[in-house]
Amino acid sequence: MLVGFAPDWMRGKAEVNQERIQQLLEENDQLTCCIVDYQNKCVQYQHVLHRNLIYFATIADASPFSSSKAME
């Protein structure tokens, strides 16, 4: 833990406890896996959004009315 992120009451009192270290490593592994899963899901959502936007742009391009005519 970086000193800047450690609460005052913890600073200078680090005890090396193998069990606690193992717990933190396992927790970090779970957090990392969770973050990767969310990032992958986010990419999937971005693809769906991109597909939808391309669809709307295609419809707009094929429309006989341009945006400048609609504003008149």
N, C-alpha and C. Protein backbone atom coordinates (compact mmCIF):
# COMPACT_ATOMS: atom_id res chain seq x y z
N MET A 1 0.86 -1.17 0.00
CA MET A 1 0.00 0.00 0.00
C MET A 1 0.90 1.22 0.00
N LEU A 2 0.59 2.15 -0.86
CA LEU A 2 1.35 3.38 -0.87
C LEU A 2 1.07 4.17 0.39
N VAL A 3 2.09 4.83 0.90
CA VAL A 3 1.93 5.59 2.13
C VAL A 3 0.86 6.66 1.98
N GLY A 4 0.77 7.26 0.81
CA GLY A 4 -0.22 8.31 0.58
C GLY A 4 -1.65 7.83 0.74
N PHE A 5 -1.87 6.53 0.55
CA PHE A 5 -3.22 5.98 0.63
C PHE A 5 -3.48 5.28 1.96
N ALA A 6 -2.48 5.16 2.78
CA ALA A 6 -2.66 4.49 4.07
C ALA A 6 -3.17 5.50 5.09
N PRO A 7 -4.18 5.11 5.87
CA PRO A 7 -4.65 6.00 6.93
C PRO A 7 -3.53 6.25 7.94
N ASP A 8 -3.59 7.38 8.62
CA ASP A 8 -2.55 7.74 9.58
C ASP A 8 -2.31 6.65 10.60
N TRP A 9 -3.38 5.99 11.07
CA TRP A 9 -3.23 5.00 12.12
C TRP A 9 -2.49 3.75 11.65
N MET A 10 -2.39 3.56 10.31
CA MET A 10 -1.69 2.39 9.78
C MET A 10 -0.24 2.67 9.44
N ARG A 11 0.12 3.90 9.28
CA ARG A 11 1.47 4.24 8.83
C ARG A 11 2.51 3.84 9.86
N GLY A 12 3.54 3.17 9.37
CA GLY A 12 4.64 2.74 10.22
C GLY A 12 4.34 1.52 11.06
N LYS A 13 3.19 0.88 10.86
CA LYS A 13 2.80 -0.27 11.68
C LYS A 13 2.53 -1.51 10.82
N ALA A 14 3.21 -1.61 9.70
CA ALA A 14 2.96 -2.73 8.80
C ALA A 14 3.50 -4.02 9.39
N GLU A 15 2.61 -4.97 9.56
CA GLU A 15 3.01 -6.29 10.04
C GLU A 15 2.89 -7.25 8.86
N VAL A 16 3.93 -8.03 8.64
CA VAL A 16 3.90 -8.99 7.56
C VAL A 16 3.19 -10.24 8.05
N ASN A 17 2.02 -10.43 7.51
CA ASN A 17 1.19 -11.57 7.89
C ASN A 17 0.88 -12.32 6.60
N GLN A 18 1.42 -13.50 6.46
CA GLN A 18 1.27 -14.26 5.22
C GLN A 18 -0.20 -14.54 4.89
N GLU A 19 -1.00 -14.80 5.89
CA GLU A 19 -2.43 -15.07 5.65
C GLU A 19 -3.12 -13.84 5.08
N ARG A 20 -2.83 -12.68 5.67
CA ARG A 20 -3.44 -11.43 5.19
C ARG A 20 -2.95 -11.10 3.78
N ILE A 21 -1.67 -11.33 3.52
CA ILE A 21 -1.13 -11.08 2.18
C ILE A 21 -1.83 -11.97 1.17
N GLN A 22 -2.03 -13.24 1.50
CA GLN A 22 -2.71 -14.16 0.59
C GLN A 22 -4.15 -13.72 0.34
N GLN A 23 -4.85 -13.26 1.38
CA GLN A 23 -6.22 -12.77 1.23
C GLN A 23 -6.26 -11.58 0.28
N LEU A 24 -5.32 -10.67 0.45
CA LEU A 24 -5.29 -9.48 -0.41
C LEU A 24 -4.97 -9.85 -1.86
N LEU A 25 -4.05 -10.79 -2.05
CA LEU A 25 -3.73 -11.24 -3.41
C LEU A 25 -4.94 -11.88 -4.07
N GLU A 26 -5.68 -12.70 -3.33
CA GLU A 26 -6.89 -13.32 -3.87
C GLU A 26 -7.96 -12.29 -4.18
N GLU A 27 -8.11 -11.31 -3.29
CA GLU A 27 -9.07 -10.24 -3.52
C GLU A 27 -8.69 -9.44 -4.76
N ASN A 28 -7.42 -9.13 -4.91
CA ASN A 28 -6.96 -8.40 -6.09
C ASN A 28 -7.20 -9.19 -7.36
N ASP A 29 -7.01 -10.50 -7.31
CA ASP A 29 -7.27 -11.35 -8.46
C ASP A 29 -8.74 -11.30 -8.85
N GLN A 30 -9.63 -11.40 -7.86
CA GLN A 30 -11.07 -11.32 -8.13
C GLN A 30 -11.46 -9.96 -8.70
N LEU A 31 -10.89 -8.91 -8.15
CA LEU A 31 -11.18 -7.56 -8.64
C LEU A 31 -10.71 -7.38 -10.07
N THR A 32 -9.52 -7.88 -10.36
CA THR A 32 -8.97 -7.78 -11.71
C THR A 32 -9.85 -8.52 -12.71
N CYS A 33 -10.28 -9.73 -12.34
CA CYS A 33 -11.16 -10.50 -13.22
C CYS A 33 -12.49 -9.77 -13.45
N CYS A 34 -13.02 -9.20 -12.40
CA CYS A 34 -14.28 -8.44 -12.50
C CYS A 34 -14.13 -7.25 -13.43
N ILE A 35 -13.04 -6.53 -13.29
CA ILE A 35 -12.79 -5.35 -14.13
C ILE A 35 -12.65 -5.76 -15.59
N VAL A 36 -11.93 -6.85 -15.85
CA VAL A 36 -11.78 -7.34 -17.23
C VAL A 36 -13.13 -7.73 -17.80
N ASP A 37 -13.96 -8.41 -17.01
CA ASP A 37 -15.30 -8.79 -17.48
C ASP A 37 -16.12 -7.55 -17.84
N TYR A 38 -16.09 -6.53 -17.00
CA TYR A 38 -16.83 -5.31 -17.28
C TYR A 38 -16.29 -4.59 -18.51
N GLN A 39 -14.98 -4.59 -18.68
CA GLN A 39 -14.40 -3.95 -19.86
C GLN A 39 -14.84 -4.68 -21.12
N ASN A 40 -14.84 -6.00 -21.09
CA ASN A 40 -15.29 -6.77 -22.25
C ASN A 40 -16.76 -6.51 -22.55
N LYS A 41 -17.58 -6.43 -21.51
CA LYS A 41 -18.99 -6.14 -21.71
C LYS A 41 -19.16 -4.74 -22.30
N CYS A 42 -18.36 -3.80 -21.83
CA CYS A 42 -18.42 -2.43 -22.33
C CYS A 42 -18.10 -2.39 -23.83
N VAL A 43 -17.11 -3.17 -24.25
CA VAL A 43 -16.76 -3.22 -25.67
C VAL A 43 -17.93 -3.76 -26.48
N GLN A 44 -18.60 -4.77 -25.95
CA GLN A 44 -19.77 -5.31 -26.65
C GLN A 44 -20.85 -4.24 -26.80
N TYR A 45 -21.10 -3.47 -25.75
CA TYR A 45 -22.10 -2.40 -25.82
C TYR A 45 -21.67 -1.32 -26.81
N GLN A 46 -20.40 -1.02 -26.86
CA GLN A 46 -19.90 -0.03 -27.81
C GLN A 46 -20.14 -0.49 -29.25
N HIS A 47 -19.97 -1.79 -29.50
CA HIS A 47 -20.23 -2.32 -30.84
C HIS A 47 -21.70 -2.20 -31.21
N VAL A 48 -22.57 -2.50 -30.27
CA VAL A 48 -24.01 -2.39 -30.53
C VAL A 48 -24.38 -0.93 -30.78
N LEU A 49 -23.86 -0.02 -29.97
CA LEU A 49 -24.12 1.41 -30.17
C LEU A 49 -23.62 1.86 -31.53
N HIS A 50 -22.43 1.45 -31.89
CA HIS A 50 -21.86 1.82 -33.20
C HIS A 50 -22.74 1.31 -34.33
N ARG A 51 -23.18 0.06 -34.22
CA ARG A 51 -24.06 -0.52 -35.24
C ARG A 51 -25.33 0.30 -35.37
N ASN A 52 -25.94 0.67 -34.23
CA ASN A 52 -27.18 1.45 -34.26
C ASN A 52 -26.97 2.82 -34.88
N LEU A 53 -25.86 3.47 -34.53
CA LEU A 53 -25.58 4.80 -35.08
C LEU A 53 -25.33 4.74 -36.58
N ILE A 54 -24.65 3.70 -37.04
CA ILE A 54 -24.42 3.53 -38.48
C ILE A 54 -25.75 3.32 -39.19
N TYR A 55 -26.63 2.56 -38.57
CA TYR A 55 -27.96 2.33 -39.14
C TYR A 55 -28.71 3.65 -39.30
N PHE A 56 -28.72 4.46 -38.23
CA PHE A 56 -29.40 5.76 -38.30
C PHE A 56 -28.75 6.67 -39.34
N ALA A 57 -27.44 6.66 -39.43
CA ALA A 57 -26.75 7.50 -40.42
C ALA A 57 -27.10 7.07 -41.83
N THR A 58 -27.20 5.76 -42.04
CA THR A 58 -27.57 5.25 -43.35
C THR A 58 -28.97 5.68 -43.73
N ILE A 59 -29.89 5.62 -42.77
CA ILE A 59 -31.27 6.06 -43.02
C ILE A 59 -31.28 7.56 -43.33
N ALA A 60 -30.54 8.34 -42.57
CA ALA A 60 -30.51 9.79 -42.79
C ALA A 60 -29.92 10.12 -44.15
N ASP A 61 -28.87 9.41 -44.54
CA ASP A 61 -28.25 9.66 -45.85
C ASP A 61 -29.20 9.31 -46.99
N ALA A 62 -30.03 8.29 -46.80
CA ALA A 62 -30.95 7.85 -47.85
C ALA A 62 -32.23 8.67 -47.87
N SER A 63 -32.44 9.48 -46.86
CA SER A 63 -33.66 10.26 -46.76
C SER A 63 -33.68 11.35 -47.83
N PRO A 64 -34.87 11.57 -48.46
CA PRO A 64 -34.96 12.63 -49.48
C PRO A 64 -34.89 14.03 -48.88
N PHE A 65 -35.06 14.14 -47.59
CA PHE A 65 -35.01 15.44 -46.93
C PHE A 65 -33.67 15.61 -46.24
N SER A 66 -33.00 16.66 -46.56
CA SER A 66 -31.73 16.91 -45.87
C SER A 66 -32.01 17.71 -44.61
N SER A 67 -31.07 17.79 -43.70
CA SER A 67 -31.27 18.50 -42.46
C SER A 67 -31.42 20.01 -42.72
N SER A 68 -30.82 20.52 -43.76
CA SER A 68 -30.95 21.96 -44.04
C SER A 68 -32.38 22.29 -44.51
N LYS A 69 -33.01 21.41 -45.27
CA LYS A 69 -34.39 21.63 -45.69
C LYS A 69 -35.35 21.53 -44.53
N ALA A 70 -35.06 20.64 -43.62
CA ALA A 70 -35.93 20.45 -42.46
C ALA A 70 -35.90 21.66 -41.54
N MET A 71 -34.83 22.41 -41.56
CA MET A 71 -34.70 23.56 -40.68
C MET A 71 -35.39 24.80 -41.24
N GLU A 72 -35.74 24.77 -42.51
CA GLU A 72 -36.40 25.94 -43.14
C GLU A 72 -37.84 26.09 -42.73
